[in-house]
Amino acid sequence: QYISLRSASHDIAVLAARGESEESLRARELPPRAKLHLQRAEDHVNVVVRAQAAGPLRALGITMEASTSVDLEPGVLGT
């Protein structure tokens, strides 16, 4: 499950760094029960994808998250 969170975090961060709109990024399909947290700064973007663990770990209330920080590509405006 972590690998799918990590992959989603990376893919969305790269698209955000290339200038894709927040609306478009939020419309992307995420792993089951995952939530997207997106933070743009002047020179980079930080993406966190967080989800409650599945299977036996879910009963323990474990939450997993993966984050990716990527520099904005030249010409892309931050906040």
N, C-alpha and C. Protein backbone atom coordinates (compact mmCIF):
# COMPACT_ATOMS: atom_id res chain seq x y z
N GLN A 1 0.83 -1.19 0.00
CA GLN A 1 0.00 0.00 0.00
C GLN A 1 0.88 1.26 0.00
N TYR A 2 1.98 1.24 0.74
CA TYR A 2 2.85 2.41 0.78
C TYR A 2 3.39 2.74 -0.61
N ILE A 3 3.73 1.71 -1.37
CA ILE A 3 4.29 1.95 -2.70
C ILE A 3 3.29 2.71 -3.58
N SER A 4 2.02 2.39 -3.49
CA SER A 4 1.02 3.11 -4.29
C SER A 4 0.89 4.56 -3.82
N LEU A 5 1.00 4.80 -2.51
CA LEU A 5 0.97 6.18 -2.00
C LEU A 5 2.19 6.95 -2.49
N ARG A 6 3.34 6.31 -2.45
CA ARG A 6 4.59 6.95 -2.88
C ARG A 6 4.53 7.29 -4.37
N SER A 7 4.03 6.36 -5.15
CA SER A 7 3.92 6.58 -6.58
C SER A 7 2.98 7.75 -6.89
N ALA A 8 1.83 7.79 -6.22
CA ALA A 8 0.87 8.88 -6.44
C ALA A 8 1.47 10.21 -6.03
N SER A 9 2.16 10.24 -4.90
CA SER A 9 2.79 11.47 -4.42
C SER A 9 3.80 11.99 -5.44
N HIS A 10 4.64 11.10 -5.93
CA HIS A 10 5.66 11.49 -6.90
C HIS A 10 5.04 12.00 -8.20
N ASP A 11 4.10 11.23 -8.74
CA ASP A 11 3.49 11.60 -10.02
C ASP A 11 2.78 12.96 -9.94
N ILE A 12 2.05 13.19 -8.86
CA ILE A 12 1.32 14.45 -8.71
C ILE A 12 2.29 15.60 -8.50
N ALA A 13 3.36 15.39 -7.74
CA ALA A 13 4.35 16.45 -7.52
C ALA A 13 5.02 16.87 -8.82
N VAL A 14 5.35 15.91 -9.65
CA VAL A 14 5.98 16.22 -10.94
C VAL A 14 5.03 17.04 -11.81
N LEU A 15 3.77 16.64 -11.87
CA LEU A 15 2.79 17.39 -12.67
C LEU A 15 2.59 18.79 -12.12
N ALA A 16 2.56 18.93 -10.80
CA ALA A 16 2.41 20.25 -10.18
C ALA A 16 3.62 21.12 -10.50
N ALA A 17 4.80 20.54 -10.46
CA ALA A 17 6.02 21.30 -10.77
C ALA A 17 6.04 21.76 -12.22
N ARG A 18 5.33 21.06 -13.07
CA ARG A 18 5.25 21.44 -14.49
C ARG A 18 4.15 22.45 -14.75
N GLY A 19 3.38 22.80 -13.69
CA GLY A 19 2.38 23.85 -13.83
C GLY A 19 0.94 23.39 -13.95
N GLU A 20 0.68 22.11 -13.78
CA GLU A 20 -0.71 21.63 -13.87
C GLU A 20 -1.53 22.26 -12.73
N SER A 21 -2.76 22.58 -13.02
CA SER A 21 -3.61 23.27 -12.04
C SER A 21 -3.94 22.37 -10.85
N GLU A 22 -4.20 23.02 -9.72
CA GLU A 22 -4.57 22.28 -8.52
C GLU A 22 -5.86 21.51 -8.73
N GLU A 23 -6.80 22.11 -9.44
CA GLU A 23 -8.07 21.44 -9.73
C GLU A 23 -7.85 20.15 -10.50
N SER A 24 -6.99 20.21 -11.49
CA SER A 24 -6.68 19.03 -12.29
C SER A 24 -5.96 17.96 -11.46
N LEU A 25 -5.06 18.40 -10.59
CA LEU A 25 -4.33 17.45 -9.75
C LEU A 25 -5.27 16.76 -8.77
N ARG A 26 -6.21 17.51 -8.22
CA ARG A 26 -7.15 16.93 -7.26
C ARG A 26 -8.13 15.97 -7.93
N ALA A 27 -8.30 16.09 -9.25
CA ALA A 27 -9.20 15.21 -9.98
C ALA A 27 -8.55 13.86 -10.32
N ARG A 28 -7.25 13.75 -10.09
CA ARG A 28 -6.55 12.50 -10.40
C ARG A 28 -6.98 11.39 -9.44
N GLU A 29 -6.94 10.18 -9.95
CA GLU A 29 -7.32 9.04 -9.12
C GLU A 29 -6.21 8.74 -8.11
N LEU A 30 -6.61 8.56 -6.86
CA LEU A 30 -5.68 8.24 -5.78
C LEU A 30 -5.91 6.80 -5.32
N PRO A 31 -4.96 6.25 -4.58
CA PRO A 31 -5.20 4.92 -3.99
C PRO A 31 -6.44 4.96 -3.09
N PRO A 32 -7.05 3.81 -2.81
CA PRO A 32 -8.26 3.77 -1.97
C PRO A 32 -8.06 4.48 -0.63
N ARG A 33 -9.05 5.25 -0.22
CA ARG A 33 -9.09 5.97 1.07
C ARG A 33 -7.98 7.00 1.23
N ALA A 34 -7.33 7.38 0.15
CA ALA A 34 -6.22 8.34 0.24
C ALA A 34 -6.72 9.77 0.10
N LYS A 35 -5.99 10.67 0.74
CA LYS A 35 -6.27 12.10 0.65
C LYS A 35 -5.02 12.81 0.17
N LEU A 36 -5.24 13.85 -0.61
CA LEU A 36 -4.14 14.62 -1.18
C LEU A 36 -3.99 15.94 -0.45
N HIS A 37 -2.76 16.26 -0.09
CA HIS A 37 -2.42 17.55 0.50
C HIS A 37 -1.35 18.17 -0.39
N LEU A 38 -1.64 19.35 -0.91
CA LEU A 38 -0.77 20.00 -1.87
C LEU A 38 -0.39 21.38 -1.36
N GLN A 39 0.91 21.66 -1.34
CA GLN A 39 1.38 22.96 -0.88
C GLN A 39 2.36 23.50 -1.91
N ARG A 40 2.02 24.66 -2.46
CA ARG A 40 2.91 25.31 -3.42
C ARG A 40 3.66 26.42 -2.71
N ALA A 41 4.92 26.55 -3.02
CA ALA A 41 5.75 27.63 -2.50
C ALA A 41 6.32 28.39 -3.70
N GLU A 42 7.12 29.38 -3.42
CA GLU A 42 7.67 30.22 -4.49
C GLU A 42 8.51 29.42 -5.49
N ASP A 43 9.26 28.44 -4.99
CA ASP A 43 10.19 27.73 -5.87
C ASP A 43 10.02 26.21 -5.87
N HIS A 44 9.06 25.69 -5.12
CA HIS A 44 8.86 24.24 -5.09
C HIS A 44 7.41 23.90 -4.74
N VAL A 45 7.10 22.64 -4.88
CA VAL A 45 5.78 22.14 -4.50
C VAL A 45 6.00 20.91 -3.62
N ASN A 46 5.16 20.79 -2.60
CA ASN A 46 5.22 19.64 -1.70
C ASN A 46 3.87 18.92 -1.75
N VAL A 47 3.92 17.63 -2.00
CA VAL A 47 2.70 16.83 -2.11
C VAL A 47 2.76 15.71 -1.07
N VAL A 48 1.68 15.58 -0.32
CA VAL A 48 1.55 14.49 0.65
C VAL A 48 0.29 13.70 0.31
N VAL A 49 0.43 12.40 0.19
CA VAL A 49 -0.71 11.52 0.00
C VAL A 49 -0.78 10.64 1.25
N ARG A 50 -1.92 10.69 1.91
CA ARG A 50 -2.10 10.02 3.21
C ARG A 50 -3.32 9.11 3.14
N ALA A 51 -3.20 7.92 3.74
CA ALA A 51 -4.32 6.98 3.77
C ALA A 51 -4.24 6.11 5.01
N GLN A 52 -5.40 5.70 5.48
CA GLN A 52 -5.45 4.74 6.58
C GLN A 52 -5.01 3.39 6.03
N ALA A 53 -4.21 2.68 6.81
CA ALA A 53 -3.71 1.38 6.39
C ALA A 53 -4.86 0.41 6.12
N ALA A 54 -4.62 -0.51 5.21
CA ALA A 54 -5.62 -1.52 4.87
C ALA A 54 -5.31 -2.82 5.60
N GLY A 55 -6.23 -3.75 5.52
CA GLY A 55 -6.01 -5.07 6.10
C GLY A 55 -5.93 -5.05 7.62
N PRO A 56 -5.13 -5.95 8.20
CA PRO A 56 -5.05 -6.05 9.66
C PRO A 56 -4.56 -4.77 10.34
N LEU A 57 -3.74 -3.99 9.64
CA LEU A 57 -3.22 -2.75 10.23
C LEU A 57 -4.31 -1.69 10.40
N ARG A 58 -5.36 -1.81 9.61
CA ARG A 58 -6.45 -0.83 9.71
C ARG A 58 -7.08 -0.86 11.10
N ALA A 59 -7.22 -2.04 11.68
CA ALA A 59 -7.81 -2.18 13.01
C ALA A 59 -6.97 -1.46 14.07
N LEU A 60 -5.70 -1.28 13.79
CA LEU A 60 -4.80 -0.59 14.73
C LEU A 60 -4.83 0.93 14.54
N GLY A 61 -5.55 1.39 13.53
CA GLY A 61 -5.65 2.83 13.29
C GLY A 61 -4.39 3.44 12.71
N ILE A 62 -3.61 2.65 12.01
CA ILE A 62 -2.35 3.14 11.43
C ILE A 62 -2.64 3.93 10.16
N THR A 63 -2.00 5.08 10.07
CA THR A 63 -2.09 5.92 8.87
C THR A 63 -0.72 5.96 8.21
N MET A 64 -0.70 5.80 6.91
CA MET A 64 0.55 5.88 6.15
C MET A 64 0.51 7.13 5.29
N GLU A 65 1.70 7.69 5.06
CA GLU A 65 1.77 8.83 4.16
C GLU A 65 3.08 8.81 3.40
N ALA A 66 3.03 9.39 2.22
CA ALA A 66 4.21 9.55 1.39
C ALA A 66 4.23 11.00 0.94
N SER A 67 5.40 11.61 1.00
CA SER A 67 5.50 13.00 0.56
C SER A 67 6.63 13.14 -0.45
N THR A 68 6.44 14.09 -1.35
CA THR A 68 7.42 14.40 -2.37
C THR A 68 7.51 15.90 -2.51
N SER A 69 8.72 16.41 -2.53
CA SER A 69 8.96 17.84 -2.74
C SER A 69 9.77 17.98 -4.02
N VAL A 70 9.29 18.82 -4.93
CA VAL A 70 9.93 18.99 -6.23
C VAL A 70 10.06 20.48 -6.53
N ASP A 71 11.22 20.86 -7.07
CA ASP A 71 11.42 22.25 -7.51
C ASP A 71 10.53 22.53 -8.71
N LEU A 72 9.98 23.74 -8.76
CA LEU A 72 9.16 24.14 -9.91
C LEU A 72 10.05 24.25 -11.14
N GLU A 73 9.49 23.89 -12.27
CA GLU A 73 10.23 24.04 -13.52
C GLU A 73 10.32 25.51 -13.89
N PRO A 74 11.35 25.91 -14.62
CA PRO A 74 11.50 27.32 -15.01
C PRO A 74 10.24 27.83 -15.72
N GLY A 75 9.80 29.00 -15.33
CA GLY A 75 8.63 29.62 -15.94
C GLY A 75 7.33 29.30 -15.25
N VAL A 76 7.33 28.36 -14.31
CA VAL A 76 6.12 28.01 -13.56
C VAL A 76 6.08 28.88 -12.32
N LEU A 77 4.94 29.54 -12.10
CA LEU A 77 4.82 30.43 -10.95
C LEU A 77 4.36 29.66 -9.73
N GLY A 78 4.99 29.95 -8.59
CA GLY A 78 4.58 29.36 -7.31
C GLY A 78 3.46 30.18 -6.71
N THR A 79 3.49 30.32 -5.37
CA THR A 79 2.43 31.07 -4.69
C THR A 79 2.61 32.56 -4.85
